[in-house]
Each structure stands twice: as C-alpha cells, then as structure tokens.
PDB file of N, CA and C in Angstrom:
ATOM      1  N   MET A   1     131.291  83.608  90.099  1.00  0.00           N
ATOM      2  CA  MET A   1     130.721  84.021  91.361  1.00  0.00           C
ATOM      3  C   MET A   1     130.425  82.783  92.207  1.00  0.00           C
ATOM      4  N   LYS A   2     130.790  82.833  93.466  1.00  0.00           N
ATOM      5  CA  LYS A   2     130.588  81.696  94.350  1.00  0.00           C
ATOM      6  C   LYS A   2     129.154  81.635  94.866  1.00  0.00           C
ATOM      7  N   CYS A   3     128.807  80.449  95.282  1.00  0.00           N
ATOM      8  CA  CYS A   3     127.510  80.211  95.919  1.00  0.00           C
ATOM      9  C   CYS A   3     127.436  81.037  97.208  1.00  0.00           C
ATOM     10  N   PHE A   4     126.254  81.558  97.532  1.00  0.00           N
ATOM     11  CA  PHE A   4     126.063  82.381  98.735  1.00  0.00           C
ATOM     12  C   PHE A   4     126.508  81.629  99.982  1.00  0.00           C
ATOM     13  N   PHE A   5     126.121  80.372 100.094  1.00  0.00           N
ATOM     14  CA  PHE A   5     126.433  79.594 101.289  1.00  0.00           C
ATOM     15  C   PHE A   5     127.899  79.168 101.328  1.00  0.00           C
ATOM     16  N   CYS A   6     128.488  78.881 100.170  1.00  0.00           N
ATOM     17  CA  CYS A   6     129.925  78.547 100.114  1.00  0.00           C
ATOM     18  C   CYS A   6     130.758  79.777 100.475  1.00  0.00           C
ATOM     19  N   GLN A   7     130.341  80.927  99.994  1.00  0.00           N
ATOM     20  CA  GLN A   7     131.072  82.169 100.229  1.00  0.00           C
ATOM     21  C   GLN A   7     131.152  82.510 101.714  1.00  0.00           C
ATOM     22  N   TYR A   8     130.035  82.336 102.438  1.00  0.00           N
ATOM     23  CA  TYR A   8     130.003  82.684 103.857  1.00  0.00           C
ATOM     24  C   TYR A   8     130.226  81.472 104.770  1.00  0.00           C
ATOM     25  N   LYS A   9     130.536  80.320 104.151  1.00  0.00           N
ATOM     26  CA  LYS A   9     130.819  79.087 104.893  1.00  0.00           C
ATOM     27  C   LYS A   9     129.716  78.766 105.903  1.00  0.00           C
ATOM     28  N   THR A  10     128.509  78.732 105.404  1.00  0.00           N
ATOM     29  CA  THR A  10     127.345  78.434 106.234  1.00  0.00           C
ATOM     30  C   THR A  10     126.438  77.457 105.503  1.00  0.00           C
ATOM     31  N   ARG A  11     125.388  77.034 106.145  1.00  0.00           N
ATOM     32  CA  ARG A  11     124.412  76.131 105.553  1.00  0.00           C
ATOM     33  C   ARG A  11     123.022  76.767 105.662  1.00  0.00           C
ATOM     34  N   PRO A  12     122.112  76.421 104.769  1.00  0.00           N
ATOM     35  CA  PRO A  12     120.739  76.907 104.912  1.00  0.00           C
ATOM     36  C   PRO A  12     120.135  76.367 106.208  1.00  0.00           C
ATOM     37  N   ASN A  13     119.385  77.212 106.907  1.00  0.00           N
ATOM     38  CA  ASN A  13     118.785  76.812 108.169  1.00  0.00           C
ATOM     39  C   ASN A  13     117.355  77.351 108.216  1.00  0.00           C
ATOM     40  N   TYR A  14     116.419  76.504 108.603  1.00  0.00           N
ATOM     41  CA  TYR A  14     115.010  76.903 108.615  1.00  0.00           C
ATOM     42  C   TYR A  14     114.733  78.026 109.601  1.00  0.00           C
ATOM     43  N   LYS A  15     115.577  78.189 110.621  1.00  0.00           N
ATOM     44  CA  LYS A  15     115.363  79.235 111.631  1.00  0.00           C
ATOM     45  C   LYS A  15     115.796  80.613 111.131  1.00  0.00           C
ATOM     46  N   ASP A  16     116.634  80.657 110.112  1.00  0.00           N
ATOM     47  CA  ASP A  16     117.140  81.917 109.569  1.00  0.00           C
ATOM     48  C   ASP A  16     116.209  82.400 108.456  1.00  0.00           C
ATOM     49  N   VAL A  17     115.042  82.862 108.842  1.00  0.00           N
ATOM     50  CA  VAL A  17     113.997  83.229 107.884  1.00  0.00           C
ATOM     51  C   VAL A  17     114.421  84.401 107.005  1.00  0.00           C
ATOM     52  N   ASP A  18     115.173  85.342 107.551  1.00  0.00           N
ATOM     53  CA  ASP A  18     115.595  86.513 106.770  1.00  0.00           C
ATOM     54  C   ASP A  18     116.408  86.094 105.545  1.00  0.00           C
ATOM     55  N   ASN A  19     117.283  85.126 105.708  1.00  0.00           N
ATOM     56  CA  ASN A  19     118.083  84.653 104.572  1.00  0.00           C
ATOM     57  C   ASN A  19     117.262  83.774 103.638  1.00  0.00           C
ATOM     58  N   LEU A  20     116.365  82.982 104.171  1.00  0.00           N
ATOM     59  CA  LEU A  20     115.564  82.100 103.323  1.00  0.00           C
ATOM     60  C   LEU A  20     114.666  82.890 102.383  1.00  0.00           C
ATOM     61  N   VAL A  21     114.128  83.989 102.853  1.00  0.00           N
ATOM     62  CA  VAL A  21     113.201  84.789 102.038  1.00  0.00           C
ATOM     63  C   VAL A  21     113.905  85.374 100.810  1.00  0.00           C
ATOM     64  N   LYS A  22     115.212  85.543 100.878  1.00  0.00           N
ATOM     65  CA  LYS A  22     115.970  86.065  99.737  1.00  0.00           C
ATOM     66  C   LYS A  22     115.907  85.126  98.532  1.00  0.00           C
ATOM     67  N   PHE A  23     115.627  83.855  98.780  1.00  0.00           N
ATOM     68  CA  PHE A  23     115.630  82.864  97.715  1.00  0.00           C
ATOM     69  C   PHE A  23     114.217  82.518  97.246  1.00  0.00           C
ATOM     70  N   LEU A  24     113.259  83.404  97.541  1.00  0.00           N
ATOM     71  CA  LEU A  24     111.877  83.231  97.107  1.00  0.00           C
ATOM     72  C   LEU A  24     111.486  84.343  96.140  1.00  0.00           C
ATOM     73  N   SER A  25     110.595  84.028  95.221  1.00  0.00           N
ATOM     74  CA  SER A  25     110.093  85.033  94.285  1.00  0.00           C
ATOM     75  C   SER A  25     109.055  85.898  95.013  1.00  0.00           C
ATOM     76  N   PRO A  26     108.587  86.987  94.384  1.00  0.00           N
ATOM     77  CA  PRO A  26     107.546  87.809  95.010  1.00  0.00           C
ATOM     78  C   PRO A  26     106.266  87.021  95.329  1.00  0.00           C
ATOM     79  N   ARG A  27     106.022  85.966  94.583  1.00  0.00           N
ATOM     80  CA  ARG A  27     104.855  85.118  94.853  1.00  0.00           C
ATOM     81  C   ARG A  27     105.208  83.957  95.781  1.00  0.00           C
ATOM     82  N   LEU A  28     106.387  84.023  96.367  1.00  0.00           N
ATOM     83  CA  LEU A  28     106.889  83.073  97.357  1.00  0.00           C
ATOM     84  C   LEU A  28     107.132  81.673  96.798  1.00  0.00           C
ATOM     85  N   LYS A  29     107.501  81.601  95.523  1.00  0.00           N
ATOM     86  CA  LYS A  29     107.937  80.333  94.950  1.00  0.00           C
ATOM     87  C   LYS A  29     109.452  80.236  95.136  1.00  0.00           C
ATOM     88  N   ILE A  30     109.959  79.030  95.259  1.00  0.00           N
ATOM     89  CA  ILE A  30     111.400  78.822  95.409  1.00  0.00           C
ATOM     90  C   ILE A  30     112.053  79.079  94.060  1.00  0.00           C
ATOM     91  N   LEU A  31     113.069  79.933  94.060  1.00  0.00           N
ATOM     92  CA  LEU A  31     113.758  80.280  92.820  1.00  0.00           C
ATOM     93  C   LEU A  31     114.722  79.171  92.407  1.00  0.00           C
ATOM     94  N   SER A  32     115.020  79.114  91.117  1.00  0.00           N
ATOM     95  CA  SER A  32     115.922  78.097  90.580  1.00  0.00           C
ATOM     96  C   SER A  32     117.386  78.446  90.854  1.00  0.00           C
ATOM     97  N   ARG A  33     118.248  77.485  90.608  1.00  0.00           N
ATOM     98  CA  ARG A  33     119.683  77.684  90.809  1.00  0.00           C
ATOM     99  C   ARG A  33     120.235  78.794  89.925  1.00  0.00           C
ATOM    100  N   ASP A  34     119.675  78.945  88.742  1.00  0.00           N
ATOM    101  CA  ASP A  34     120.140  79.984  87.823  1.00  0.00           C
ATOM    102  C   ASP A  34     119.965  81.373  88.424  1.00  0.00           C
ATOM    103  N   LYS A  35     118.866  81.569  89.111  1.00  0.00           N
ATOM    104  CA  LYS A  35     118.575  82.883  89.679  1.00  0.00           C
ATOM    105  C   LYS A  35     119.190  83.083  91.057  1.00  0.00           C
ATOM    106  N   THR A  36     119.288  82.008  91.845  1.00  0.00           N
ATOM    107  CA  THR A  36     119.826  82.142  93.201  1.00  0.00           C
ATOM    108  C   THR A  36     121.345  82.078  93.229  1.00  0.00           C
ATOM    109  N   ARG A  37     121.951  81.542  92.169  1.00  0.00           N
ATOM    110  CA  ARG A  37     123.415  81.397  92.090  1.00  0.00           C
ATOM    111  C   ARG A  37     123.972  80.535  93.215  1.00  0.00           C
ATOM    112  N   THR A  38     123.246  79.461  93.570  1.00  0.00           N
ATOM    113  CA  THR A  38     123.746  78.532  94.577  1.00  0.00           C
ATOM    114  C   THR A  38     124.221  77.258  93.890  1.00  0.00           C
ATOM    115  N   CYS A  39     125.114  76.538  94.557  1.00  0.00           N
ATOM    116  CA  CYS A  39     125.589  75.266  94.009  1.00  0.00           C
ATOM    117  C   CYS A  39     124.498  74.209  94.225  1.00  0.00           C
ATOM    118  N   ALA A  40     124.621  73.077  93.554  1.00  0.00           N
ATOM    119  CA  ALA A  40     123.598  72.031  93.607  1.00  0.00           C
ATOM    120  C   ALA A  40     123.408  71.512  95.027  1.00  0.00           C
ATOM    121  N   LYS A  41     124.489  71.334  95.750  1.00  0.00           N
ATOM    122  CA  LYS A  41     124.436  70.815  97.121  1.00  0.00           C
ATOM    123  C   LYS A  41     123.610  71.736  98.018  1.00  0.00           C
ATOM    124  N   HIS A  42     123.883  73.031  97.945  1.00  0.00           N
ATOM    125  CA  HIS A  42     123.184  73.974  98.805  1.00  0.00           C
ATOM    126  C   HIS A  42     121.765  74.262  98.308  1.00  0.00           C
ATOM    127  N   GLN A  43     121.516  74.132  97.009  1.00  0.00           N
ATOM    128  CA  GLN A  43     120.162  74.323  96.491  1.00  0.00           C
ATOM    129  C   GLN A  43     119.240  73.226  97.018  1.00  0.00           C
ATOM    130  N   ARG A  44     119.735  72.001  97.061  1.00  0.00           N
ATOM    131  CA  ARG A  44     118.925  70.898  97.604  1.00  0.00           C
ATOM    132  C   ARG A  44     118.631  71.133  99.077  1.00  0.00           C
ATOM    133  N   ALA A  45     119.650  71.540  99.832  1.00  0.00           N
ATOM    134  CA  ALA A  45     119.459  71.805 101.265  1.00  0.00           C
ATOM    135  C   ALA A  45     118.522  73.001 101.473  1.00  0.00           C
ATOM    136  N   LEU A  46     118.678  74.022 100.645  1.00  0.00           N
ATOM    137  CA  LEU A  46     117.831  75.212 100.731  1.00  0.00           C
ATOM    138  C   LEU A  46     116.365  74.855 100.512  1.00  0.00           C
ATOM    139  N   THR A  47     116.092  74.023  99.535  1.00  0.00           N
ATOM    140  CA  THR A  47     114.728  73.602  99.248  1.00  0.00           C
ATOM    141  C   THR A  47     114.123  72.870 100.440  1.00  0.00           C
ATOM    142  N   LYS A  48     114.877  71.946 101.025  1.00  0.00           N
ATOM    143  CA  LYS A  48     114.382  71.199 102.190  1.00  0.00           C
ATOM    144  C   LYS A  48     114.116  72.122 103.369  1.00  0.00           C
ATOM    145  N   GLU A  49     115.027  73.052 103.621  1.00  0.00           N
ATOM    146  CA  GLU A  49     114.870  73.971 104.751  1.00  0.00           C
ATOM    147  C   GLU A  49     113.689  74.923 104.531  1.00  0.00           C
ATOM    148  N   LEU A  50     113.498  75.385 103.294  1.00  0.00           N
ATOM    149  CA  LEU A  50     112.358  76.254 102.991  1.00  0.00           C
ATOM    150  C   LEU A  50     111.037  75.519 103.185  1.00  0.00           C
ATOM    151  N   LYS A  51     110.994  74.284 102.746  1.00  0.00           N
ATOM    152  CA  LYS A  51     109.766  73.510 102.905  1.00  0.00           C
ATOM    153  C   LYS A  51     109.483  73.250 104.378  1.00  0.00           C
ATOM    154  N   TYR A  52     110.516  72.993 105.162  1.00  0.00           N
ATOM    155  CA  TYR A  52     110.335  72.775 106.598  1.00  0.00           C
ATOM    156  C   TYR A  52     109.890  74.066 107.284  1.00  0.00           C
ATOM    157  N   ALA A  53     110.451  75.201 106.864  1.00  0.00           N
ATOM    158  CA  ALA A  53     110.050  76.497 107.434  1.00  0.00           C
ATOM    159  C   ALA A  53     108.590  76.794 107.098  1.00  0.00           C
ATOM    160  N   ARG A  54     108.160  76.419 105.916  1.00  0.00           N
ATOM    161  CA  ARG A  54     106.749  76.593 105.551  1.00  0.00           C
ATOM    162  C   ARG A  54     105.867  75.715 106.427  1.00  0.00           C
ATOM    163  N   TYR A  55     106.287  74.477 106.631  1.00  0.00           N
ATOM    164  CA  TYR A  55     105.524  73.537 107.455  1.00  0.00           C
ATOM    165  C   TYR A  55     105.356  74.072 108.876  1.00  0.00           C
ATOM    166  N   LEU A  56     106.387  74.717 109.403  1.00  0.00           N
ATOM    167  CA  LEU A  56     106.334  75.284 110.750  1.00  0.00           C
ATOM    168  C   LEU A  56     105.680  76.664 110.785  1.00  0.00           C
ATOM    169  N   ALA A  57     105.218  77.148 109.632  1.00  0.00           N
ATOM    170  CA  ALA A  57     104.547  78.450 109.489  1.00  0.00           C
ATOM    171  C   ALA A  57     105.486  79.616 109.773  1.00  0.00           C
ATOM    172  N   LEU A  58     106.771  79.448 109.494  1.00  0.00           N
ATOM    173  CA  LEU A  58     107.719  80.556 109.602  1.00  0.00           C
ATOM    174  C   LEU A  58     107.734  81.363 108.310  1.00  0.00           C
ATOM    175  N   VAL A  59     107.398  80.694 107.202  1.00  0.00           N
ATOM    176  CA  VAL A  59     107.326  81.327 105.887  1.00  0.00           C
ATOM    177  C   VAL A  59     105.973  80.945 105.294  1.00  0.00           C
ATOM    178  N   GLN A  60     105.325  81.887 104.629  1.00  0.00           N
ATOM    179  CA  GLN A  60     104.026  81.616 104.021  1.00  0.00           C
ATOM    180  C   GLN A  60     104.183  80.718 102.803  1.00  0.00           C
ATOM    181  N   TYR A  61     103.117  79.983 102.480  1.00  0.00           N
ATOM    182  CA  TYR A  61     103.124  79.148 101.282  1.00  0.00           C
ATOM    183  C   TYR A  61     102.922  79.990 100.026  1.00  0.00           C
ATOM    184  N   VAL A  62     101.997  80.946 100.085  1.00  0.00           N
ATOM    185  CA  VAL A  62     101.701  81.815  98.947  1.00  0.00           C
ATOM    186  C   VAL A  62     101.581  83.246  99.428  1.00  0.00           C
ATOM    187  N   SER A  63     101.814  84.172  98.526  1.00  0.00           N
ATOM    188  CA  SER A  63     101.656  85.579  98.899  1.00  0.00           C
ATOM    189  C   SER A  63     100.187  85.967  98.738  1.00  0.00           C
ATOM    190  N   TYR A  64      99.809  87.003  99.444  1.00  0.00           N
ATOM    191  CA  TYR A  64      98.436  87.483  99.365  1.00  0.00           C
ATOM    192  C   TYR A  64      98.239  88.181  98.031  1.00  0.00           C
ATOM    193  N   GLN A  65      97.266  87.740  97.270  1.00  0.00           N
ATOM    194  CA  GLN A  65      96.939  88.360  95.994  1.00  0.00           C
ATOM    195  C   GLN A  65      95.544  88.951  96.092  1.00  0.00           C
ATOM    196  N   GLN A  66      95.467  90.260  95.959  1.00  0.00           N
ATOM    197  CA  GLN A  66      94.193  90.956  96.091  1.00  0.00           C
ATOM    198  C   GLN A  66      93.302  90.645  94.883  1.00  0.00           C
ATOM    199  N   GLU A  67      92.045  90.335  95.163  1.00  0.00           N
ATOM    200  CA  GLU A  67      91.102  90.067  94.061  1.00  0.00           C
ATOM    201  C   GLU A  67      90.633  91.365  93.455  1.00  0.00           C
ATOM    202  N   ARG A  68      90.335  91.326  92.170  1.00  0.00           N
ATOM    203  CA  ARG A  68      89.889  92.532  91.473  1.00  0.00           C
ATOM    204  C   ARG A  68      88.420  92.514  91.271  1.00  0.00           C
TER     205      ARG A  68
END
C-alpha cells in the first residue's frame, strides 16, 4: 500500500486541517508511521506541519477529557 501523500501526489500542509486530523489519535497525539502508513519523508513533514498547525491554534494540543 502506498503512502497517502505519495498516492495523491501532494504534501502535508498546515492549512489543510481536515487531512491533518486523520493522522491524530482520539487524544490528539500524532500517530506513528505504522498506523498512518506514510513513508518516512512524508511522516517527518507531517509532524512538522501538525506542530505548526497546533502553534497557530488550528488544531488542539489535547482533547477535552471530562473529569469524573
């Protein structure tokens, strides 16, 4: 199976929040290459773009966890 970004001939972009969220866990942690099925080149770029999107407040750092 090809990498998501190689398959569609695109690059990760911090402005494309809908696609970036696909590579986050329910607790909004960045998923590993094993789970995202991305190549090493695009995983590194994805991580940088996700961190930049978080810095710009386009993506949350953590998900809301209700206290019991």
